[in-house]
């Protein structure tokens, strides 16, 4: 009986040592791993950049930025530029500006694309775009379709979403006599100017 007890204790001790031996490295690995934090611009940094770009932060602009932050979080790049568009039901838009990544890299960027609008005429506007999940610049150099039904207006400021895979862009435009349907279709971003809207 005593031998059986000793064998049982020995077996339990061995089992405990094996379990601890397997658990300790996994525990140490979990402790060593820091939680991944998505690095990006804070809301305050974005508001400051928007204020500098537009000349002032209106209540509508601040609300629009807060709405995008609530839905998407912190952007890891910002595009600031100007665009012109013209429409007679169906139209075109051309823009140029700079893309600033959270890493500090600043590069020129151009965009063009067809648009669908509800008015006739032409206009020029400033565009401030929050960019999400941009891993490298090549990812941005493509046609990015608008997301149906994503257009909304907050106190004269228009916002819509463009998305291709994980890449999400949220262009913000002020003075919404703008073409609300401009997000229907796509925008082609490139590092060179092109007059071909498609």
N, C-alpha and C. Protein backbone atom coordinates (compact mmCIF):
# COMPACT_ATOMS: atom_id res chain seq x y z
N UNK A 1 0.84 -1.20 0.00
CA UNK A 1 0.00 0.00 0.00
C UNK A 1 0.87 1.25 0.00
N UNK A 2 1.94 1.19 0.86
CA UNK A 2 2.84 2.32 0.93
C UNK A 2 3.52 2.57 -0.43
N UNK A 3 3.88 1.47 -1.15
CA UNK A 3 4.50 1.59 -2.46
C UNK A 3 3.55 2.22 -3.47
N UNK A 4 2.28 1.83 -3.36
CA UNK A 4 1.28 2.39 -4.27
C UNK A 4 1.15 3.90 -4.04
N UNK A 5 1.12 4.32 -2.77
CA UNK A 5 1.03 5.74 -2.43
C UNK A 5 2.24 6.50 -2.96
N UNK A 6 3.44 5.91 -2.78
CA UNK A 6 4.66 6.57 -3.26
C UNK A 6 4.64 6.71 -4.79
N UNK A 7 4.20 5.64 -5.45
CA UNK A 7 4.14 5.68 -6.91
C UNK A 7 3.13 6.74 -7.38
N UNK A 8 2.00 6.81 -6.66
CA UNK A 8 0.99 7.79 -7.01
C UNK A 8 1.53 9.21 -6.81
N UNK A 9 2.21 9.44 -5.65
CA UNK A 9 2.79 10.76 -5.38
C UNK A 9 3.86 11.12 -6.41
N UNK A 10 4.67 10.12 -6.77
CA UNK A 10 5.72 10.35 -7.76
C UNK A 10 5.10 10.71 -9.11
N UNK A 11 4.04 9.98 -9.48
CA UNK A 11 3.35 10.23 -10.74
C UNK A 11 2.73 11.63 -10.76
N UNK A 12 2.07 12.00 -9.65
CA UNK A 12 1.45 13.33 -9.56
C UNK A 12 2.50 14.44 -9.60
N UNK A 13 3.64 14.24 -8.90
CA UNK A 13 4.73 15.23 -8.90
C UNK A 13 5.29 15.40 -10.30
N UNK A 14 5.50 14.29 -10.98
CA UNK A 14 6.03 14.34 -12.35
C UNK A 14 5.06 15.07 -13.27
N UNK A 15 3.77 14.75 -13.12
CA UNK A 15 2.75 15.39 -13.93
C UNK A 15 2.70 16.88 -13.67
N UNK A 16 2.80 17.29 -12.40
CA UNK A 16 2.79 18.70 -12.03
C UNK A 16 3.99 19.43 -12.62
N UNK A 17 5.16 18.80 -12.55
CA UNK A 17 6.38 19.41 -13.10
C UNK A 17 6.25 19.58 -14.60
N UNK A 18 5.72 18.56 -15.29
CA UNK A 18 5.53 18.66 -16.73
C UNK A 18 4.54 19.77 -17.11
N UNK A 19 3.46 19.87 -16.33
CA UNK A 19 2.47 20.92 -16.60
C UNK A 19 3.06 22.30 -16.39
N UNK A 20 3.80 22.48 -15.30
CA UNK A 20 4.44 23.77 -15.03
C UNK A 20 5.49 24.09 -16.09
N UNK A 21 6.23 23.05 -16.49
CA UNK A 21 7.26 23.24 -17.53
C UNK A 21 6.66 23.73 -18.83
N UNK A 22 5.46 23.28 -19.16
CA UNK A 22 4.80 23.72 -20.38
C UNK A 22 4.15 25.08 -20.22
N UNK A 23 3.66 25.36 -19.01
CA UNK A 23 2.92 26.61 -18.79
C UNK A 23 3.82 27.81 -18.63
N UNK A 24 4.98 27.65 -18.01
CA UNK A 24 5.85 28.80 -17.72
C UNK A 24 6.32 29.51 -18.98
N UNK A 25 6.85 28.78 -20.02
CA UNK A 25 7.26 29.49 -21.23
C UNK A 25 6.11 30.23 -21.91
N UNK A 26 4.92 29.60 -21.94
CA UNK A 26 3.77 30.26 -22.57
C UNK A 26 3.38 31.51 -21.79
N UNK A 27 3.43 31.42 -20.46
CA UNK A 27 3.12 32.57 -19.62
C UNK A 27 4.14 33.69 -19.84
N UNK A 28 5.43 33.30 -19.88
CA UNK A 28 6.49 34.29 -20.09
C UNK A 28 6.35 34.96 -21.45
N UNK A 29 5.94 34.17 -22.46
CA UNK A 29 5.76 34.73 -23.80
C UNK A 29 4.63 35.75 -23.81
N UNK A 30 3.52 35.41 -23.11
CA UNK A 30 2.38 36.33 -23.05
C UNK A 30 2.74 37.61 -22.32
N UNK A 31 3.55 37.50 -21.26
CA UNK A 31 3.96 38.69 -20.50
C UNK A 31 4.87 39.55 -21.36
N UNK A 32 5.78 38.89 -22.13
CA UNK A 32 6.73 39.63 -22.96
C UNK A 32 6.04 40.35 -24.10
N UNK A 33 4.95 39.75 -24.62
CA UNK A 33 4.25 40.38 -25.73
C UNK A 33 3.45 41.57 -25.22
N UNK A 34 3.75 42.75 -25.78
CA UNK A 34 2.97 43.93 -25.42
C UNK A 34 1.76 43.98 -26.33
N UNK A 35 0.65 44.48 -25.82
CA UNK A 35 -0.53 44.56 -26.68
C UNK A 35 -0.24 45.46 -27.88
N UNK A 36 -0.72 45.04 -29.05
CA UNK A 36 -0.48 45.82 -30.26
C UNK A 36 -1.38 47.05 -30.24
N UNK A 37 -0.77 48.21 -30.32
CA UNK A 37 -1.53 49.45 -30.34
C UNK A 37 -1.46 50.00 -31.76
N UNK A 38 -2.61 50.28 -32.33
CA UNK A 38 -2.65 50.84 -33.68
C UNK A 38 -2.17 52.28 -33.62
N UNK A 39 -0.98 52.53 -34.18
CA UNK A 39 -0.42 53.87 -34.13
C UNK A 39 -1.10 54.75 -35.17
N UNK A 40 -1.44 55.94 -34.76
CA UNK A 40 -2.08 56.87 -35.67
C UNK A 40 -2.22 58.23 -35.02
N UNK A 41 -2.71 59.18 -35.81
CA UNK A 41 -2.92 60.54 -35.33
C UNK A 41 -4.04 60.57 -34.29
N UNK A 42 -3.86 61.36 -33.25
CA UNK A 42 -4.92 61.53 -32.26
C UNK A 42 -5.97 62.49 -32.81
N UNK A 43 -7.12 62.52 -32.18
CA UNK A 43 -8.18 63.43 -32.60
C UNK A 43 -7.72 64.88 -32.49
N UNK A 44 -6.95 65.18 -31.43
CA UNK A 44 -6.45 66.54 -31.24
C UNK A 44 -5.48 66.93 -32.36
N UNK A 45 -4.60 65.99 -32.75
CA UNK A 45 -3.66 66.27 -33.85
C UNK A 45 -4.40 66.51 -35.16
N UNK A 46 -5.43 65.70 -35.41
CA UNK A 46 -6.20 65.85 -36.65
C UNK A 46 -6.94 67.18 -36.66
N UNK A 47 -7.56 67.55 -35.53
CA UNK A 47 -8.26 68.84 -35.45
C UNK A 47 -7.30 70.01 -35.66
N UNK A 48 -6.10 69.88 -35.12
CA UNK A 48 -5.09 70.94 -35.28
C UNK A 48 -4.67 71.06 -36.75
N UNK A 49 -4.47 69.91 -37.41
CA UNK A 49 -4.09 69.92 -38.83
C UNK A 49 -5.24 70.45 -39.69
N UNK A 50 -6.47 70.07 -39.35
CA UNK A 50 -7.64 70.55 -40.10
C UNK A 50 -7.79 72.05 -39.93
N UNK A 51 -7.57 72.54 -38.72
CA UNK A 51 -7.66 73.98 -38.43
C UNK A 51 -6.63 74.74 -39.26
N UNK A 52 -5.41 74.21 -39.31
CA UNK A 52 -4.34 74.84 -40.08
C UNK A 52 -4.65 74.80 -41.57
N UNK A 53 -5.24 73.70 -42.04
CA UNK A 53 -5.52 73.53 -43.46
C UNK A 53 -6.69 74.39 -43.92
N UNK A 54 -7.80 74.36 -43.18
CA UNK A 54 -8.99 75.10 -43.58
C UNK A 54 -8.98 76.55 -43.11
N UNK A 55 -8.08 76.89 -42.19
CA UNK A 55 -8.02 78.25 -41.68
C UNK A 55 -8.74 78.40 -40.35
N UNK A 56 -9.69 77.53 -40.08
CA UNK A 56 -10.39 77.51 -38.80
C UNK A 56 -11.14 76.19 -38.67
N UNK A 57 -11.37 75.78 -37.45
CA UNK A 57 -12.16 74.58 -37.21
C UNK A 57 -13.58 75.00 -36.86
N UNK A 58 -14.49 74.77 -37.78
CA UNK A 58 -15.89 75.09 -37.51
C UNK A 58 -16.51 73.98 -36.67
N UNK A 59 -17.67 74.27 -36.12
CA UNK A 59 -18.37 73.24 -35.32
C UNK A 59 -18.70 72.04 -36.20
N UNK A 60 -19.09 72.30 -37.46
CA UNK A 60 -19.43 71.21 -38.37
C UNK A 60 -18.23 70.34 -38.69
N UNK A 61 -17.07 70.97 -38.90
CA UNK A 61 -15.84 70.22 -39.20
C UNK A 61 -15.43 69.36 -38.01
N UNK A 62 -15.51 69.95 -36.81
CA UNK A 62 -15.16 69.20 -35.59
C UNK A 62 -16.11 68.00 -35.41
N UNK A 63 -17.40 68.20 -35.68
CA UNK A 63 -18.37 67.11 -35.54
C UNK A 63 -18.12 66.01 -36.57
N UNK A 64 -17.78 66.43 -37.80
CA UNK A 64 -17.50 65.45 -38.85
C UNK A 64 -16.29 64.60 -38.48
N UNK A 65 -15.23 65.24 -37.98
CA UNK A 65 -14.02 64.51 -37.58
C UNK A 65 -14.32 63.58 -36.42
N UNK A 66 -15.11 64.05 -35.45
CA UNK A 66 -15.49 63.20 -34.31
C UNK A 66 -16.29 61.98 -34.78
N UNK A 67 -17.16 62.18 -35.76
CA UNK A 67 -17.97 61.07 -36.28
C UNK A 67 -17.08 60.01 -36.94
N UNK A 68 -16.11 60.47 -37.74
CA UNK A 68 -15.21 59.52 -38.41
C UNK A 68 -14.36 58.80 -37.37
N UNK A 69 -13.87 59.52 -36.35
CA UNK A 69 -13.08 58.89 -35.29
C UNK A 69 -13.91 57.84 -34.55
N UNK A 70 -15.17 58.16 -34.28
CA UNK A 70 -16.04 57.22 -33.57
C UNK A 70 -16.25 55.95 -34.38
N UNK A 71 -16.29 56.07 -35.71
CA UNK A 71 -16.55 54.92 -36.56
C UNK A 71 -15.28 54.15 -36.95
N UNK A 72 -14.15 54.88 -37.10
CA UNK A 72 -12.95 54.24 -37.64
C UNK A 72 -11.73 54.27 -36.73
N UNK A 73 -11.72 55.15 -35.72
CA UNK A 73 -10.54 55.25 -34.86
C UNK A 73 -9.52 56.23 -35.41
N UNK A 74 -8.25 55.99 -35.09
CA UNK A 74 -7.17 56.91 -35.46
C UNK A 74 -6.63 56.60 -36.86
N UNK A 75 -6.56 57.61 -37.74
CA UNK A 75 -6.00 57.40 -39.07
C UNK A 75 -4.48 57.33 -39.00
N UNK A 76 -3.85 56.58 -39.91
CA UNK A 76 -2.39 56.55 -39.91
C UNK A 76 -1.81 57.35 -41.07
N UNK A 77 -2.68 58.09 -41.78
CA UNK A 77 -2.22 59.03 -42.81
C UNK A 77 -3.31 60.06 -43.04
N UNK A 78 -2.91 61.22 -43.56
CA UNK A 78 -3.85 62.30 -43.87
C UNK A 78 -3.48 62.86 -45.24
N UNK A 79 -4.49 63.06 -46.08
CA UNK A 79 -4.28 63.72 -47.37
C UNK A 79 -4.92 65.09 -47.28
N UNK A 80 -4.16 66.13 -47.57
CA UNK A 80 -4.69 67.50 -47.59
C UNK A 80 -4.43 68.07 -48.97
N UNK A 81 -5.49 68.54 -49.63
CA UNK A 81 -5.30 69.07 -50.97
C UNK A 81 -6.51 69.84 -51.46
N UNK A 82 -6.47 70.16 -52.74
CA UNK A 82 -7.55 70.91 -53.38
C UNK A 82 -8.01 70.15 -54.61
N UNK A 83 -9.28 70.33 -54.95
CA UNK A 83 -9.78 69.67 -56.14
C UNK A 83 -10.76 70.58 -56.87
N UNK A 84 -10.90 70.32 -58.15
CA UNK A 84 -11.91 70.99 -58.96
C UNK A 84 -12.80 69.91 -59.54
N UNK A 85 -14.06 70.24 -59.69
CA UNK A 85 -14.97 69.28 -60.29
C UNK A 85 -15.98 70.02 -61.14
N UNK A 86 -16.48 69.34 -62.13
CA UNK A 86 -17.49 69.90 -63.01
C UNK A 86 -18.49 68.80 -63.32
N UNK A 87 -19.75 69.19 -63.44
CA UNK A 87 -20.76 68.17 -63.70
C UNK A 87 -21.92 68.71 -64.49
N UNK A 88 -22.46 67.86 -65.29
CA UNK A 88 -23.73 68.08 -65.95
C UNK A 88 -24.47 66.75 -65.80
N UNK A 89 -24.86 66.48 -64.55
CA UNK A 89 -25.40 65.17 -64.20
C UNK A 89 -24.27 64.20 -63.92
N UNK A 90 -23.47 63.94 -64.94
CA UNK A 90 -22.27 63.12 -64.77
C UNK A 90 -21.08 64.06 -64.90
N UNK A 91 -20.07 63.87 -64.07
CA UNK A 91 -18.96 64.81 -64.11
C UNK A 91 -17.62 64.18 -63.85
N UNK A 92 -16.65 65.03 -63.66
CA UNK A 92 -15.29 64.59 -63.35
C UNK A 92 -14.74 65.44 -62.22
N UNK A 93 -13.74 64.90 -61.55
CA UNK A 93 -13.06 65.68 -60.52
C UNK A 93 -11.57 65.40 -60.61
N UNK A 94 -10.78 66.44 -60.33
CA UNK A 94 -9.33 66.34 -60.32
C UNK A 94 -8.83 66.99 -59.04
N UNK A 95 -7.85 66.36 -58.42
CA UNK A 95 -7.30 66.93 -57.20
C UNK A 95 -5.82 66.67 -57.06
N UNK A 96 -5.21 67.48 -56.21
CA UNK A 96 -3.81 67.26 -55.89
C UNK A 96 -3.54 67.80 -54.50
N UNK A 97 -2.54 67.20 -53.85
CA UNK A 97 -2.19 67.63 -52.51
C UNK A 97 -1.00 66.84 -52.00
N UNK A 98 -0.98 66.65 -50.70
CA UNK A 98 0.10 65.89 -50.06
C UNK A 98 -0.48 64.86 -49.12
N UNK A 99 0.16 63.71 -49.08
CA UNK A 99 -0.22 62.70 -48.11
C UNK A 99 0.85 62.67 -47.03
N UNK A 100 0.41 62.81 -45.79
CA UNK A 100 1.34 62.75 -44.66
C UNK A 100 1.04 61.50 -43.86
N UNK A 101 2.06 60.65 -43.73
CA UNK A 101 1.90 59.42 -42.95
C UNK A 101 2.25 59.70 -41.50
N UNK A 102 1.76 58.85 -40.62
CA UNK A 102 2.02 59.02 -39.19
C UNK A 102 3.52 58.95 -38.89
N UNK A 103 4.25 58.24 -39.74
CA UNK A 103 5.70 58.13 -39.57
C UNK A 103 6.42 59.45 -39.83
N UNK A 104 5.71 60.42 -40.45
CA UNK A 104 6.32 61.71 -40.75
C UNK A 104 6.61 61.91 -42.23
N UNK A 105 6.54 60.83 -43.01
CA UNK A 105 6.79 60.90 -44.44
C UNK A 105 5.70 61.74 -45.12
N UNK A 106 6.12 62.68 -45.99
CA UNK A 106 5.19 63.52 -46.72
C UNK A 106 5.49 63.39 -48.22
N UNK A 107 4.47 63.04 -49.01
CA UNK A 107 4.65 62.83 -50.44
C UNK A 107 3.53 63.50 -51.23
N UNK A 108 3.82 63.93 -52.47
CA UNK A 108 2.74 64.50 -53.30
C UNK A 108 1.77 63.41 -53.74
N UNK A 109 0.52 63.79 -53.94
CA UNK A 109 -0.51 62.83 -54.36
C UNK A 109 -1.48 63.54 -55.31
N UNK A 110 -1.97 62.80 -56.30
CA UNK A 110 -2.93 63.33 -57.26
C UNK A 110 -4.11 62.36 -57.32
N UNK A 111 -5.27 62.87 -57.67
CA UNK A 111 -6.43 61.98 -57.83
C UNK A 111 -7.37 62.53 -58.89
N UNK A 112 -8.08 61.62 -59.52
CA UNK A 112 -9.06 61.98 -60.53
C UNK A 112 -10.07 60.85 -60.62
N UNK A 113 -11.25 61.21 -61.11
CA UNK A 113 -12.25 60.16 -61.25
C UNK A 113 -13.58 60.70 -61.71
N UNK A 114 -14.44 59.83 -62.20
CA UNK A 114 -15.78 60.24 -62.60
C UNK A 114 -16.65 60.48 -61.37
N UNK A 115 -17.63 61.33 -61.51
CA UNK A 115 -18.54 61.58 -60.40
C UNK A 115 -19.97 61.66 -60.91
N UNK A 116 -20.90 61.42 -60.02
CA UNK A 116 -22.31 61.58 -60.34
C UNK A 116 -22.83 62.65 -59.40
N UNK A 117 -23.44 63.71 -59.98
CA UNK A 117 -23.88 64.82 -59.13
C UNK A 117 -25.33 65.17 -59.36
N UNK A 118 -25.82 66.07 -58.53
CA UNK A 118 -27.22 66.47 -58.62
C UNK A 118 -27.36 67.90 -59.15
N UNK A 119 -26.27 68.46 -59.66
CA UNK A 119 -26.36 69.83 -60.14
C UNK A 119 -25.48 70.00 -61.37
N UNK A 120 -25.49 71.21 -61.91
CA UNK A 120 -24.66 71.53 -63.06
C UNK A 120 -23.66 72.60 -62.64
N UNK A 121 -22.56 72.66 -63.36
CA UNK A 121 -21.59 73.71 -63.08
C UNK A 121 -20.26 73.14 -62.64
N UNK A 122 -19.47 74.01 -62.04
CA UNK A 122 -18.13 73.62 -61.60
C UNK A 122 -17.84 74.26 -60.26
N UNK A 123 -16.95 73.64 -59.50
CA UNK A 123 -16.55 74.25 -58.25
C UNK A 123 -15.16 73.76 -57.85
N UNK A 124 -14.53 74.52 -56.98
CA UNK A 124 -13.23 74.14 -56.43
C UNK A 124 -13.40 74.05 -54.92
N UNK A 125 -12.75 73.09 -54.32
CA UNK A 125 -12.89 72.94 -52.87
C UNK A 125 -11.63 72.35 -52.25
N UNK A 126 -11.49 72.55 -50.97
CA UNK A 126 -10.42 71.92 -50.22
C UNK A 126 -10.91 70.57 -49.72
N UNK A 127 -10.01 69.59 -49.73
CA UNK A 127 -10.36 68.24 -49.29
C UNK A 127 -9.35 67.77 -48.26
N UNK A 128 -9.86 67.30 -47.14
CA UNK A 128 -9.03 66.81 -46.03
C UNK A 128 -9.45 65.36 -45.80
N UNK A 129 -8.57 64.43 -46.12
CA UNK A 129 -8.94 63.01 -46.11
C UNK A 129 -8.20 62.25 -45.02
N UNK A 130 -8.95 61.53 -44.19
CA UNK A 130 -8.36 60.66 -43.18
C UNK A 130 -8.20 59.27 -43.79
N UNK A 131 -7.00 58.71 -43.66
CA UNK A 131 -6.66 57.43 -44.31
C UNK A 131 -6.40 56.38 -43.24
N UNK A 132 -7.00 55.21 -43.42
CA UNK A 132 -6.88 54.12 -42.44
C UNK A 132 -6.26 52.88 -43.07
N UNK A 133 -5.38 52.23 -42.29
CA UNK A 133 -4.76 50.95 -42.67
C UNK A 133 -3.86 51.07 -43.90
N UNK A 134 -3.16 52.20 -44.01
CA UNK A 134 -2.21 52.37 -45.12
C UNK A 134 -0.86 51.81 -44.70
N UNK A 135 -0.50 50.66 -45.25
CA UNK A 135 0.76 50.01 -44.90
C UNK A 135 1.93 50.54 -45.73
N UNK A 136 1.69 50.80 -47.02
CA UNK A 136 2.71 51.41 -47.86
C UNK A 136 2.04 52.23 -48.94
N UNK A 137 2.80 53.12 -49.57
CA UNK A 137 2.22 54.07 -50.52
C UNK A 137 1.66 53.37 -51.77
N UNK A 138 2.23 52.25 -52.17
CA UNK A 138 1.72 51.54 -53.35
C UNK A 138 0.27 51.12 -53.15
N UNK A 139 -0.10 50.88 -51.92
CA UNK A 139 -1.46 50.48 -51.59
C UNK A 139 -2.46 51.57 -51.96
N UNK A 140 -2.01 52.82 -51.92
CA UNK A 140 -2.87 53.96 -52.20
C UNK A 140 -3.01 54.24 -53.70
N UNK A 141 -2.03 53.81 -54.50
CA UNK A 141 -1.98 54.12 -55.92
C UNK A 141 -2.90 53.18 -56.71
N UNK A 142 -4.20 53.40 -56.60
CA UNK A 142 -5.16 52.54 -57.28
C UNK A 142 -6.51 53.23 -57.34
N UNK A 143 -7.46 52.60 -58.02
CA UNK A 143 -8.84 53.09 -58.03
C UNK A 143 -9.52 52.63 -56.75
N UNK A 144 -10.12 53.58 -56.05
CA UNK A 144 -10.78 53.24 -54.78
C UNK A 144 -12.25 53.65 -54.88
N UNK A 145 -13.15 52.68 -54.88
CA UNK A 145 -14.57 53.01 -55.05
C UNK A 145 -15.17 53.65 -53.81
N UNK A 146 -16.21 54.45 -54.06
CA UNK A 146 -16.96 55.02 -52.96
C UNK A 146 -17.86 53.96 -52.34
N UNK A 147 -18.15 54.12 -51.07
CA UNK A 147 -19.04 53.18 -50.38
C UNK A 147 -20.46 53.71 -50.48
N UNK A 148 -21.33 52.93 -51.09
CA UNK A 148 -22.73 53.36 -51.27
C UNK A 148 -23.37 53.72 -49.94
N UNK A 149 -24.08 54.83 -49.93
CA UNK A 149 -24.84 55.23 -48.75
C UNK A 149 -24.00 55.78 -47.62
N UNK A 150 -22.70 56.05 -47.86
CA UNK A 150 -21.87 56.52 -46.76
C UNK A 150 -21.80 58.05 -46.69
N UNK A 151 -22.41 58.74 -47.64
CA UNK A 151 -22.32 60.20 -47.66
C UNK A 151 -23.21 60.80 -46.58
N UNK A 152 -22.63 61.71 -45.79
CA UNK A 152 -23.44 62.44 -44.82
C UNK A 152 -22.92 63.85 -44.66
N UNK A 153 -23.79 64.72 -44.23
CA UNK A 153 -23.48 66.14 -44.09
C UNK A 153 -23.69 66.55 -42.65
N UNK A 154 -22.69 67.25 -42.10
CA UNK A 154 -22.80 67.78 -40.74
C UNK A 154 -22.52 69.28 -40.80
N UNK A 155 -23.55 70.10 -40.65
CA UNK A 155 -23.41 71.56 -40.61
C UNK A 155 -22.54 72.11 -41.74
N UNK A 156 -22.88 71.74 -42.99
CA UNK A 156 -22.17 72.27 -44.14
C UNK A 156 -20.87 71.56 -44.47
N UNK A 157 -20.57 70.48 -43.78
CA UNK A 157 -19.36 69.70 -44.07
C UNK A 157 -19.80 68.32 -44.54
N UNK A 158 -19.27 67.90 -45.69
CA UNK A 158 -19.63 66.60 -46.26
C UNK A 158 -18.54 65.57 -46.04
N UNK A 159 -18.94 64.35 -45.71
CA UNK A 159 -17.99 63.24 -45.52
C UNK A 159 -18.54 62.02 -46.24
N UNK A 160 -17.66 61.28 -46.90
CA UNK A 160 -18.06 59.99 -47.46
C UNK A 160 -16.88 59.02 -47.33
N UNK A 161 -17.16 57.74 -47.46
CA UNK A 161 -16.11 56.73 -47.35
C UNK A 161 -15.78 56.14 -48.71
N UNK A 162 -14.49 55.88 -48.91
CA UNK A 162 -14.01 55.13 -50.06
C UNK A 162 -13.25 53.95 -49.48
N UNK A 163 -13.39 52.77 -50.10
CA UNK A 163 -12.76 51.60 -49.52
C UNK A 163 -12.35 50.60 -50.59
N UNK A 164 -11.16 50.02 -50.40
CA UNK A 164 -10.69 48.92 -51.22
C UNK A 164 -9.95 47.97 -50.30
N UNK A 165 -10.54 46.82 -50.01
CA UNK A 165 -9.96 45.89 -49.05
C UNK A 165 -9.95 46.52 -47.66
N UNK A 166 -8.80 46.47 -46.99
CA UNK A 166 -8.68 47.06 -45.66
C UNK A 166 -8.50 48.57 -45.71
N UNK A 167 -8.04 49.08 -46.85
CA UNK A 167 -7.77 50.51 -46.98
C UNK A 167 -9.07 51.31 -47.00
N UNK A 168 -9.19 52.28 -46.08
CA UNK A 168 -10.39 53.11 -45.99
C UNK A 168 -9.96 54.57 -46.03
N UNK A 169 -10.65 55.37 -46.85
CA UNK A 169 -10.42 56.80 -46.90
C UNK A 169 -11.71 57.53 -46.57
N UNK A 170 -11.59 58.61 -45.81
CA UNK A 170 -12.76 59.41 -45.45
C UNK A 170 -12.50 60.86 -45.85
N UNK A 171 -12.80 61.22 -47.12
CA UNK A 171 -12.62 62.61 -47.56
C UNK A 171 -13.64 63.53 -46.89
N UNK A 172 -13.15 64.66 -46.40
CA UNK A 172 -14.01 65.67 -45.75
C UNK A 172 -13.93 66.93 -46.60
N UNK A 173 -15.09 67.43 -47.02
CA UNK A 173 -15.14 68.65 -47.85
C UNK A 173 -16.04 69.67 -47.15
N UNK A 174 -15.65 70.92 -47.23
CA UNK A 174 -16.49 71.97 -46.65
C UNK A 174 -17.29 72.65 -47.75
N UNK A 175 -18.35 73.34 -47.35
CA UNK A 175 -19.17 74.08 -48.30
C UNK A 175 -20.00 73.15 -49.15
N UNK A 176 -20.95 72.47 -48.56
CA UNK A 176 -21.66 71.44 -49.30
C UNK A 176 -22.79 72.03 -50.12
N UNK A 177 -22.45 72.76 -51.17
CA UNK A 177 -23.24 72.92 -52.36
C UNK A 177 -22.57 71.93 -53.27
N UNK A 178 -21.69 71.10 -52.63
CA UNK A 178 -20.90 70.10 -53.33
C UNK A 178 -21.81 69.04 -53.93
N UNK A 179 -21.24 68.27 -54.83
CA UNK A 179 -22.00 67.17 -55.40
C UNK A 179 -22.07 66.03 -54.40
N UNK A 180 -23.23 65.86 -53.81
CA UNK A 180 -23.39 64.80 -52.81
C UNK A 180 -23.20 63.42 -53.42
N UNK A 181 -23.43 63.31 -54.72
CA UNK A 181 -23.28 62.01 -55.37
C UNK A 181 -21.88 61.73 -55.85
N UNK A 182 -20.94 62.60 -55.50
CA UNK A 182 -19.59 62.44 -56.03
C UNK A 182 -18.92 61.16 -55.59
N UNK A 183 -19.40 60.55 -54.52
CA UNK A 183 -18.79 59.31 -54.05
C UNK A 183 -19.23 58.11 -54.88
N UNK A 184 -20.24 58.29 -55.71
CA UNK A 184 -20.67 57.18 -56.56
C UNK A 184 -19.66 57.05 -57.68
N UNK A 185 -19.11 55.85 -57.83
CA UNK A 185 -18.04 55.65 -58.80
C UNK A 185 -16.76 55.36 -58.04
N UNK A 186 -15.66 55.97 -58.47
CA UNK A 186 -14.39 55.73 -57.80
C UNK A 186 -13.47 56.93 -57.97
N UNK A 187 -12.40 56.94 -57.21
CA UNK A 187 -11.35 57.95 -57.35
C UNK A 187 -10.05 57.20 -57.57
N UNK A 188 -9.29 57.63 -58.56
CA UNK A 188 -8.01 57.00 -58.87
C UNK A 188 -6.88 57.87 -58.30
N UNK A 189 -6.16 57.34 -57.32
CA UNK A 189 -5.04 58.05 -56.70
C UNK A 189 -3.75 57.63 -57.39
N UNK A 190 -2.85 58.59 -57.58
CA UNK A 190 -1.56 58.28 -58.22
C UNK A 190 -0.50 59.28 -57.78
N UNK A 191 0.75 58.95 -58.09
CA UNK A 191 1.84 59.86 -57.74
C UNK A 191 2.19 60.79 -58.90
N UNK A 192 1.41 60.69 -60.01
CA UNK A 192 1.61 61.56 -61.18
C UNK A 192 0.28 62.14 -61.61
N UNK A 193 0.33 63.37 -62.09
CA UNK A 193 -0.91 64.02 -62.56
C UNK A 193 -1.37 63.38 -63.86
N UNK A 194 -2.67 63.21 -63.98
CA UNK A 194 -3.26 62.66 -65.21
C UNK A 194 -4.55 63.40 -65.51
N UNK A 195 -4.79 63.67 -66.80
CA UNK A 195 -6.03 64.33 -67.18
C UNK A 195 -7.09 63.32 -67.62
N UNK A 196 -6.73 62.03 -67.60
CA UNK A 196 -7.70 61.00 -67.94
C UNK A 196 -8.46 60.62 -66.67
N UNK A 197 -9.76 60.92 -66.58
CA UNK A 197 -10.49 60.72 -65.33
C UNK A 197 -10.75 59.28 -64.98
N UNK A 198 -10.54 58.37 -65.92
CA UNK A 198 -10.83 56.97 -65.66
C UNK A 198 -9.55 56.25 -65.39
